[in-house]
Amino acid sequence: MGFLQIIDFHTDQFEEFTQLEHQWIEESAGARTSTGGQLYADRDNPGHYVALDWFTDFDSAMVNSHLPATSSFAEKATALSTGEVVFHNLEPAMEVFIQGEPELRRALETNDLVKDAFADEVVLDMIVPHGRVVTTGLDALGTLIREETPARRLEVWDAQPTPTGFVVEYAYRTLDDADSLAVGTIIAKIHEGRIARLFITCGGNWDAETQRQVRESTGEPVGSRS
């Protein structure tokens, strides 16, 4: 998350505000540069709201702020506000920490599951080319990971936080005689500080011949990012 804009305001016309928000989404389609956002209501102070808008960087946020649709929205939204509207423009001061992500990465690299990082009844739901695999419980998850290969070398591991956990784009090579490559996506759900659910889509374990065919057909090296 490269840049965060926080807008702190009060209003007693919330429905009118949400209508303006939906109008802005329609009018700014194809031009807005925000990568996402969330509006929060203060449960201890009715009428108090905090809006979070995410951007890749400060310059991107400024492009978004100067859109005609954004200027129109800001003017009308300010008119609906009771009191001062406060803006905060924030940049990361240190590397982002994602709850559960380091432990999941370690589990895949070493087959060593840090038990406190996973819920006792953690659910694994995995879609692979030949079907679907669903397990429940830490022991079942550990057994499945160990049965695939003794260890893995991650060649792609791009983790991003989500409101409920994190998502990872991965590619790893098995450290065994097969030396196969697995590519896919992991969606992790965190509950009470521990990984409660893992939803995984996997393209399957590609052998050397499959990897060669993929390279030839796409012109891209397989599993080349980190």
C-alpha atoms as a PDB file:
ATOM      1  CA  MET A   1       0.000   0.000   0.000  1.00  0.00           C
ATOM      2  CA  GLY A   2       1.957   2.995  -1.267  1.00  0.00           C
ATOM      3  CA  PHE A   3      -0.172   5.973  -0.213  1.00  0.00           C
ATOM      4  CA  LEU A   4      -3.202   6.428   2.025  1.00  0.00           C
ATOM      5  CA  GLN A   5      -5.580   9.372   2.178  1.00  0.00           C
ATOM      6  CA  ILE A   6      -7.858   9.677   5.222  1.00  0.00           C
ATOM      7  CA  ILE A   7     -10.905  11.944   5.203  1.00  0.00           C
ATOM      8  CA  ASP A   8     -12.499  12.619   8.595  1.00  0.00           C
ATOM      9  CA  PHE A   9     -15.961  14.187   8.601  1.00  0.00           C
ATOM     10  CA  HIS A  10     -19.402  14.372  10.222  1.00  0.00           C
ATOM     11  CA  THR A  11     -22.778  14.281   8.512  1.00  0.00           C
ATOM     12  CA  ASP A  12     -26.417  13.672   9.407  1.00  0.00           C
ATOM     13  CA  GLN A  13     -27.264  13.027   5.746  1.00  0.00           C
ATOM     14  CA  PHE A  14     -25.547   9.690   5.223  1.00  0.00           C
ATOM     15  CA  GLU A  15     -27.904   8.388   2.526  1.00  0.00           C
ATOM     16  CA  GLU A  16     -27.354  11.520   0.440  1.00  0.00           C
ATOM     17  CA  PHE A  17     -23.600  11.098   0.913  1.00  0.00           C
ATOM     18  CA  THR A  18     -23.643   7.489  -0.325  1.00  0.00           C
ATOM     19  CA  GLN A  19     -25.645   8.578  -3.368  1.00  0.00           C
ATOM     20  CA  LEU A  20     -22.923  11.108  -4.152  1.00  0.00           C
ATOM     21  CA  GLU A  21     -20.301   8.397  -3.699  1.00  0.00           C
ATOM     22  CA  HIS A  22     -22.041   6.113  -6.189  1.00  0.00           C
ATOM     23  CA  GLN A  23     -22.379   9.001  -8.637  1.00  0.00           C
ATOM     24  CA  TRP A  24     -18.657   9.728  -8.339  1.00  0.00           C
ATOM     25  CA  ILE A  25     -17.815   6.055  -9.021  1.00  0.00           C
ATOM     26  CA  GLU A  26     -19.852   6.175 -12.229  1.00  0.00           C
ATOM     27  CA  GLU A  27     -18.547   9.549 -13.403  1.00  0.00           C
ATOM     28  CA  SER A  28     -14.885   8.768 -12.668  1.00  0.00           C
ATOM     29  CA  ALA A  29     -14.866   5.325 -14.302  1.00  0.00           C
ATOM     30  CA  GLY A  30     -11.746   4.878 -16.419  1.00  0.00           C
ATOM     31  CA  ALA A  31     -10.130   8.028 -14.995  1.00  0.00           C
ATOM     32  CA  ARG A  32      -9.844   7.574 -11.225  1.00  0.00           C
ATOM     33  CA  THR A  33      -6.504   6.345  -9.923  1.00  0.00           C
ATOM     34  CA  SER A  34      -7.471   5.015  -6.491  1.00  0.00           C
ATOM     35  CA  THR A  35      -6.800   1.308  -6.002  1.00  0.00           C
ATOM     36  CA  GLY A  36      -9.556   0.907  -3.408  1.00  0.00           C
ATOM     37  CA  GLY A  37     -11.295   2.454  -0.451  1.00  0.00           C
ATOM     38  CA  GLN A  38     -13.442   1.898   2.610  1.00  0.00           C
ATOM     39  CA  LEU A  39     -15.821   4.074   4.599  1.00  0.00           C
ATOM     40  CA  TYR A  40     -15.994   3.528   8.358  1.00  0.00           C
ATOM     41  CA  ALA A  41     -18.681   4.666  10.799  1.00  0.00           C
ATOM     42  CA  ASP A  42     -17.694   5.599  14.363  1.00  0.00           C
ATOM     43  CA  ARG A  43     -19.789   3.337  16.585  1.00  0.00           C
ATOM     44  CA  ASP A  44     -19.078   5.545  19.618  1.00  0.00           C
ATOM     45  CA  ASN A  45     -19.966   8.804  17.879  1.00  0.00           C
ATOM     46  CA  PRO A  46     -23.006   8.591  15.558  1.00  0.00           C
ATOM     47  CA  GLY A  47     -22.671  10.813  12.506  1.00  0.00           C
ATOM     48  CA  HIS A  48     -18.860  10.609  12.530  1.00  0.00           C
ATOM     49  CA  TYR A  49     -17.244   8.884   9.532  1.00  0.00           C
ATOM     50  CA  VAL A  50     -13.736   8.174   8.309  1.00  0.00           C
ATOM     51  CA  ALA A  51     -13.026   7.416   4.642  1.00  0.00           C
ATOM     52  CA  LEU A  52      -9.860   5.600   3.570  1.00  0.00           C
ATOM     53  CA  ASP A  53      -8.638   5.810  -0.030  1.00  0.00           C
ATOM     54  CA  TRP A  54      -5.617   3.847  -1.260  1.00  0.00           C
ATOM     55  CA  PHE A  55      -3.266   4.837  -4.067  1.00  0.00           C
ATOM     56  CA  THR A  56      -0.005   3.564  -5.496  1.00  0.00           C
ATOM     57  CA  ASP A  57       1.777   6.831  -4.640  1.00  0.00           C
ATOM     58  CA  PHE A  58       1.279  10.530  -3.865  1.00  0.00           C
ATOM     59  CA  ASP A  59       1.340  11.618  -7.519  1.00  0.00           C
ATOM     60  CA  SER A  60      -1.414   9.144  -8.334  1.00  0.00           C
ATOM     61  CA  ALA A  61      -3.518  10.539  -5.485  1.00  0.00           C
ATOM     62  CA  MET A  62      -3.081  14.078  -6.789  1.00  0.00           C
ATOM     63  CA  VAL A  63      -4.231  13.030 -10.272  1.00  0.00           C
ATOM     64  CA  ASN A  64      -7.359  11.580  -8.676  1.00  0.00           C
ATOM     65  CA  SER A  65      -7.947  14.702  -6.576  1.00  0.00           C
ATOM     66  CA  HIS A  66      -7.900  16.960  -9.646  1.00  0.00           C
ATOM     67  CA  LEU A  67     -10.438  14.980 -11.663  1.00  0.00           C
ATOM     68  CA  PRO A  68     -13.554  17.054 -12.468  1.00  0.00           C
ATOM     69  CA  ALA A  69     -15.719  14.269 -10.999  1.00  0.00           C
ATOM     70  CA  THR A  70     -13.695  14.349  -7.761  1.00  0.00           C
ATOM     71  CA  SER A  71     -13.901  18.135  -7.468  1.00  0.00           C
ATOM     72  CA  SER A  72     -17.664  18.036  -7.967  1.00  0.00           C
ATOM     73  CA  PHE A  73     -18.043  15.248  -5.403  1.00  0.00           C
ATOM     74  CA  ALA A  74     -15.885  17.054  -2.836  1.00  0.00           C
ATOM     75  CA  GLU A  75     -17.896  20.272  -3.162  1.00  0.00           C
ATOM     76  CA  LYS A  76     -21.254  18.526  -2.738  1.00  0.00           C
ATOM     77  CA  ALA A  77     -20.009  16.237   0.046  1.00  0.00           C
ATOM     78  CA  THR A  78     -18.623  19.188   1.993  1.00  0.00           C
ATOM     79  CA  ALA A  79     -22.042  20.820   1.813  1.00  0.00           C
ATOM     80  CA  LEU A  80     -23.514  17.707   3.468  1.00  0.00           C
ATOM     81  CA  SER A  81     -20.953  17.788   6.265  1.00  0.00           C
ATOM     82  CA  THR A  82     -21.571  19.218   9.702  1.00  0.00           C
ATOM     83  CA  GLY A  83     -18.330  20.764  10.849  1.00  0.00           C
ATOM     84  CA  GLU A  84     -14.814  20.697   9.485  1.00  0.00           C
ATOM     85  CA  VAL A  85     -13.628  18.077   6.983  1.00  0.00           C
ATOM     86  CA  VAL A  86     -10.092  16.961   7.870  1.00  0.00           C
ATOM     87  CA  PHE A  87      -7.702  15.360   5.356  1.00  0.00           C
ATOM     88  CA  HIS A  88      -4.606  13.296   6.169  1.00  0.00           C
ATOM     89  CA  ASN A  89      -2.119  12.267   3.473  1.00  0.00           C
ATOM     90  CA  LEU A  90      -0.044   9.338   4.704  1.00  0.00           C
ATOM     91  CA  GLU A  91       2.949   7.440   3.329  1.00  0.00           C
ATOM     92  CA  PRO A  92       4.409   4.224   4.815  1.00  0.00           C
ATOM     93  CA  ALA A  93       7.075   4.832   7.450  1.00  0.00           C
ATOM     94  CA  MET A  94       8.173   1.177   7.519  1.00  0.00           C
ATOM     95  CA  GLU A  95       7.576  -2.076   5.670  1.00  0.00           C
ATOM     96  CA  VAL A  96       4.020  -3.346   5.881  1.00  0.00           C
ATOM     97  CA  PHE A  97       3.353  -6.187   8.339  1.00  0.00           C
ATOM     98  CA  ILE A  98       0.742  -8.753   7.282  1.00  0.00           C
ATOM     99  CA  GLN A  99      -0.603 -10.955  10.079  1.00  0.00           C
ATOM    100  CA  GLY A 100       0.043 -14.634   9.349  1.00  0.00           C
ATOM    101  CA  GLU A 101       1.918 -14.084   6.075  1.00  0.00           C
ATOM    102  CA  PRO A 102       5.482 -14.815   7.323  1.00  0.00           C
ATOM    103  CA  GLU A 103       4.294 -18.024   9.013  1.00  0.00           C
ATOM    104  CA  LEU A 104       2.476 -19.242   5.893  1.00  0.00           C
ATOM    105  CA  ARG A 105       5.552 -18.573   3.776  1.00  0.00           C
ATOM    106  CA  ARG A 106       7.727 -20.469   6.255  1.00  0.00           C
ATOM    107  CA  ALA A 107       5.271 -23.388   6.230  1.00  0.00           C
ATOM    108  CA  LEU A 108       5.547 -23.732   2.463  1.00  0.00           C
ATOM    109  CA  GLU A 109       9.327 -23.340   2.392  1.00  0.00           C
ATOM    110  CA  THR A 110      10.115 -25.767   5.235  1.00  0.00           C
ATOM    111  CA  ASN A 111       6.914 -27.809   5.909  1.00  0.00           C
ATOM    112  CA  ASP A 112       7.140 -26.484   9.471  1.00  0.00           C
ATOM    113  CA  LEU A 113       3.795 -25.093  10.654  1.00  0.00           C
ATOM    114  CA  VAL A 114       3.915 -22.557  13.480  1.00  0.00           C
ATOM    115  CA  LYS A 115       0.851 -23.792  15.343  1.00  0.00           C
ATOM    116  CA  ASP A 116      -0.001 -20.475  16.987  1.00  0.00           C
ATOM    117  CA  ALA A 117      -0.297 -18.855  13.538  1.00  0.00           C
ATOM    118  CA  PHE A 118      -3.127 -21.174  12.441  1.00  0.00           C
ATOM    119  CA  ALA A 119      -6.563 -21.778  13.934  1.00  0.00           C
ATOM    120  CA  ASP A 120      -7.022 -25.280  15.362  1.00  0.00           C
ATOM    121  CA  GLU A 121      -9.803 -25.904  12.840  1.00  0.00           C
ATOM    122  CA  VAL A 122      -8.131 -24.112   9.922  1.00  0.00           C
ATOM    123  CA  VAL A 123      -9.909 -24.871   6.647  1.00  0.00           C
ATOM    124  CA  LEU A 124      -8.012 -25.510   3.419  1.00  0.00           C
ATOM    125  CA  ASP A 125     -10.057 -25.254   0.227  1.00  0.00           C
ATOM    126  CA  MET A 126      -7.896 -25.888  -2.832  1.00  0.00           C
ATOM    127  CA  ILE A 127      -8.879 -25.952  -6.509  1.00  0.00           C
ATOM    128  CA  VAL A 128      -6.438 -27.924  -8.678  1.00  0.00           C
ATOM    129  CA  PRO A 129      -6.702 -29.148 -12.295  1.00  0.00           C
ATOM    130  CA  HIS A 130      -7.950 -32.607 -11.318  1.00  0.00           C
ATOM    131  CA  GLY A 131     -10.518 -31.424  -8.781  1.00  0.00           C
ATOM    132  CA  ARG A 132     -11.027 -29.903  -5.368  1.00  0.00           C
ATOM    133  CA  VAL A 133      -9.359 -30.685  -2.044  1.00  0.00           C
ATOM    134  CA  VAL A 134     -10.943 -29.606   1.266  1.00  0.00           C
ATOM    135  CA  THR A 135      -9.448 -30.340   4.687  1.00  0.00           C
ATOM    136  CA  THR A 136     -10.148 -29.136   8.217  1.00  0.00           C
ATOM    137  CA  GLY A 137      -7.673 -28.954  11.066  1.00  0.00           C
ATOM    138  CA  LEU A 138      -4.014 -28.167  11.557  1.00  0.00           C
ATOM    139  CA  ASP A 139      -2.883 -31.796  11.364  1.00  0.00           C
ATOM    140  CA  ALA A 140      -4.651 -32.328   8.040  1.00  0.00           C
ATOM    141  CA  LEU A 141      -3.085 -29.152   6.613  1.00  0.00           C
ATOM    142  CA  GLY A 142       0.385 -30.198   7.743  1.00  0.00           C
ATOM    143  CA  THR A 143      -0.005 -33.697   6.320  1.00  0.00           C
ATOM    144  CA  LEU A 144      -1.123 -32.377   2.925  1.00  0.00           C
ATOM    145  CA  ILE A 145       1.789 -29.933   2.702  1.00  0.00           C
ATOM    146  CA  ARG A 146       4.358 -32.584   3.638  1.00  0.00           C
ATOM    147  CA  GLU A 147       2.947 -35.201   1.264  1.00  0.00           C
ATOM    148  CA  GLU A 148       3.522 -32.998  -1.775  1.00  0.00           C
ATOM    149  CA  THR A 149       7.275 -32.485  -1.320  1.00  0.00           C
ATOM    150  CA  PRO A 150       9.947 -32.310   1.410  1.00  0.00           C
ATOM    151  CA  ALA A 151      10.484 -28.580   0.782  1.00  0.00           C
ATOM    152  CA  ARG A 152       9.909 -25.775  -1.737  1.00  0.00           C
ATOM    153  CA  ARG A 153      11.791 -22.831  -3.183  1.00  0.00           C
ATOM    154  CA  LEU A 154       9.580 -19.804  -3.693  1.00  0.00           C
ATOM    155  CA  GLU A 155      10.217 -18.048  -6.995  1.00  0.00           C
ATOM    156  CA  VAL A 156       7.218 -15.685  -6.770  1.00  0.00           C
ATOM    157  CA  TRP A 157       5.668 -14.506  -3.514  1.00  0.00           C
ATOM    158  CA  ASP A 158       3.652 -11.302  -3.858  1.00  0.00           C
ATOM    159  CA  ALA A 159       1.554 -10.777  -0.717  1.00  0.00           C
ATOM    160  CA  GLN A 160      -0.950  -7.955  -0.268  1.00  0.00           C
ATOM    161  CA  PRO A 161      -3.165  -7.237   2.759  1.00  0.00           C
ATOM    162  CA  THR A 162      -6.946  -7.365   2.474  1.00  0.00           C
ATOM    163  CA  PRO A 163      -9.627  -6.212   4.945  1.00  0.00           C
ATOM    164  CA  THR A 164     -10.009  -9.816   6.180  1.00  0.00           C
ATOM    165  CA  GLY A 165      -6.470 -11.157   5.798  1.00  0.00           C
ATOM    166  CA  PHE A 166      -4.172 -11.240   2.783  1.00  0.00           C
ATOM    167  CA  VAL A 167      -3.816 -12.541  -0.766  1.00  0.00           C
ATOM    168  CA  VAL A 168      -0.684 -14.046  -2.317  1.00  0.00           C
ATOM    169  CA  GLU A 169       0.363 -14.660  -5.903  1.00  0.00           C
ATOM    170  CA  TYR A 170       2.864 -17.506  -5.722  1.00  0.00           C
ATOM    171  CA  ALA A 171       5.095 -19.767  -7.763  1.00  0.00           C
ATOM    172  CA  TYR A 172       7.263 -22.385  -6.089  1.00  0.00           C
ATOM    173  CA  ARG A 173       9.547 -25.173  -7.223  1.00  0.00           C
ATOM    174  CA  THR A 174       9.470 -28.501  -5.401  1.00  0.00           C
ATOM    175  CA  LEU A 175      12.838 -29.573  -4.021  1.00  0.00           C
ATOM    176  CA  ASP A 176      12.645 -33.229  -4.976  1.00  0.00           C
ATOM    177  CA  ASP A 177      13.384 -35.489  -7.931  1.00  0.00           C
ATOM    178  CA  ALA A 178      10.338 -34.163  -9.832  1.00  0.00           C
ATOM    179  CA  ASP A 179      11.551 -30.547  -9.648  1.00  0.00           C
ATOM    180  CA  SER A 180       8.075 -29.377 -10.653  1.00  0.00           C
ATOM    181  CA  LEU A 181       6.679 -25.860 -10.598  1.00  0.00           C
ATOM    182  CA  ALA A 182       3.363 -24.856  -8.995  1.00  0.00           C
ATOM    183  CA  VAL A 183       1.739 -21.509  -9.799  1.00  0.00           C
ATOM    184  CA  GLY A 184      -1.407 -20.002  -8.297  1.00  0.00           C
ATOM    185  CA  THR A 185      -3.109 -17.707  -5.813  1.00  0.00           C
ATOM    186  CA  ILE A 186      -3.796 -17.967  -2.079  1.00  0.00           C
ATOM    187  CA  ILE A 187      -6.540 -16.070  -0.260  1.00  0.00           C
ATOM    188  CA  ALA A 188      -6.042 -16.200   3.511  1.00  0.00           C
ATOM    189  CA  LYS A 189      -8.708 -15.239   6.050  1.00  0.00           C
ATOM    190  CA  ILE A 190      -7.591 -14.165   9.521  1.00  0.00           C
ATOM    191  CA  HIS A 191      -9.823 -14.660  12.574  1.00  0.00           C
ATOM    192  CA  GLU A 192      -8.767 -13.571  16.063  1.00  0.00           C
ATOM    193  CA  GLY A 193      -5.180 -13.156  14.915  1.00  0.00           C
ATOM    194  CA  ARG A 194      -4.771 -16.596  13.319  1.00  0.00           C
ATOM    195  CA  ILE A 195      -5.191 -18.010   9.812  1.00  0.00           C
ATOM    196  CA  ALA A 196      -8.658 -19.547   9.799  1.00  0.00           C
ATOM    197  CA  ARG A 197      -9.106 -20.339   6.104  1.00  0.00           C
ATOM    198  CA  LEU A 198      -6.920 -20.784   3.054  1.00  0.00           C
ATOM    199  CA  PHE A 199      -8.480 -20.766  -0.399  1.00  0.00           C
ATOM    200  CA  ILE A 200      -5.935 -21.806  -3.011  1.00  0.00           C
ATOM    201  CA  THR A 201      -6.145 -22.006  -6.775  1.00  0.00           C
ATOM    202  CA  CYS A 202      -3.295 -23.887  -8.390  1.00  0.00           C
ATOM    203  CA  GLY A 203      -2.469 -24.541 -12.019  1.00  0.00           C
ATOM    204  CA  GLY A 204      -0.988 -27.878 -11.026  1.00  0.00           C
ATOM    205  CA  ASN A 205       2.574 -29.058 -10.628  1.00  0.00           C
ATOM    206  CA  TRP A 206       4.250 -28.510 -13.999  1.00  0.00           C
ATOM    207  CA  ASP A 207       7.068 -30.842 -14.969  1.00  0.00           C
ATOM    208  CA  ALA A 208      10.047 -29.680 -17.031  1.00  0.00           C
ATOM    209  CA  GLU A 209       8.331 -30.331 -20.375  1.00  0.00           C
ATOM    210  CA  THR A 210       5.205 -28.382 -19.377  1.00  0.00           C
ATOM    211  CA  GLN A 211       7.352 -25.468 -18.215  1.00  0.00           C
ATOM    212  CA  ARG A 212       9.161 -25.463 -21.571  1.00  0.00           C
ATOM    213  CA  GLN A 213       5.864 -25.403 -23.455  1.00  0.00           C
ATOM    214  CA  VAL A 214       4.573 -22.524 -21.323  1.00  0.00           C
ATOM    215  CA  ARG A 215       7.725 -20.508 -21.967  1.00  0.00           C
ATOM    216  CA  GLU A 216       7.492 -21.094 -25.716  1.00  0.00           C
ATOM    217  CA  SER A 217       3.794 -20.247 -25.935  1.00  0.00           C
ATOM    218  CA  THR A 218       3.928 -17.095 -23.792  1.00  0.00           C
ATOM    219  CA  GLY A 219       7.457 -15.844 -24.347  1.00  0.00           C
ATOM    220  CA  GLU A 220       7.754 -15.242 -20.615  1.00  0.00           C
ATOM    221  CA  PRO A 221       9.999 -16.969 -18.074  1.00  0.00           C
ATOM    222  CA  VAL A 222       7.952 -19.040 -15.636  1.00  0.00           C
ATOM    223  CA  GLY A 223       8.347 -18.213 -11.955  1.00  0.00           C
ATOM    224  CA  SER A 224      10.876 -15.445 -12.510  1.00  0.00           C
ATOM    225  CA  ARG A 225       9.596 -12.825 -10.043  1.00  0.00           C
ATOM    226  CA  SER A 226      10.250 -12.544  -6.321  1.00  0.00           C
END
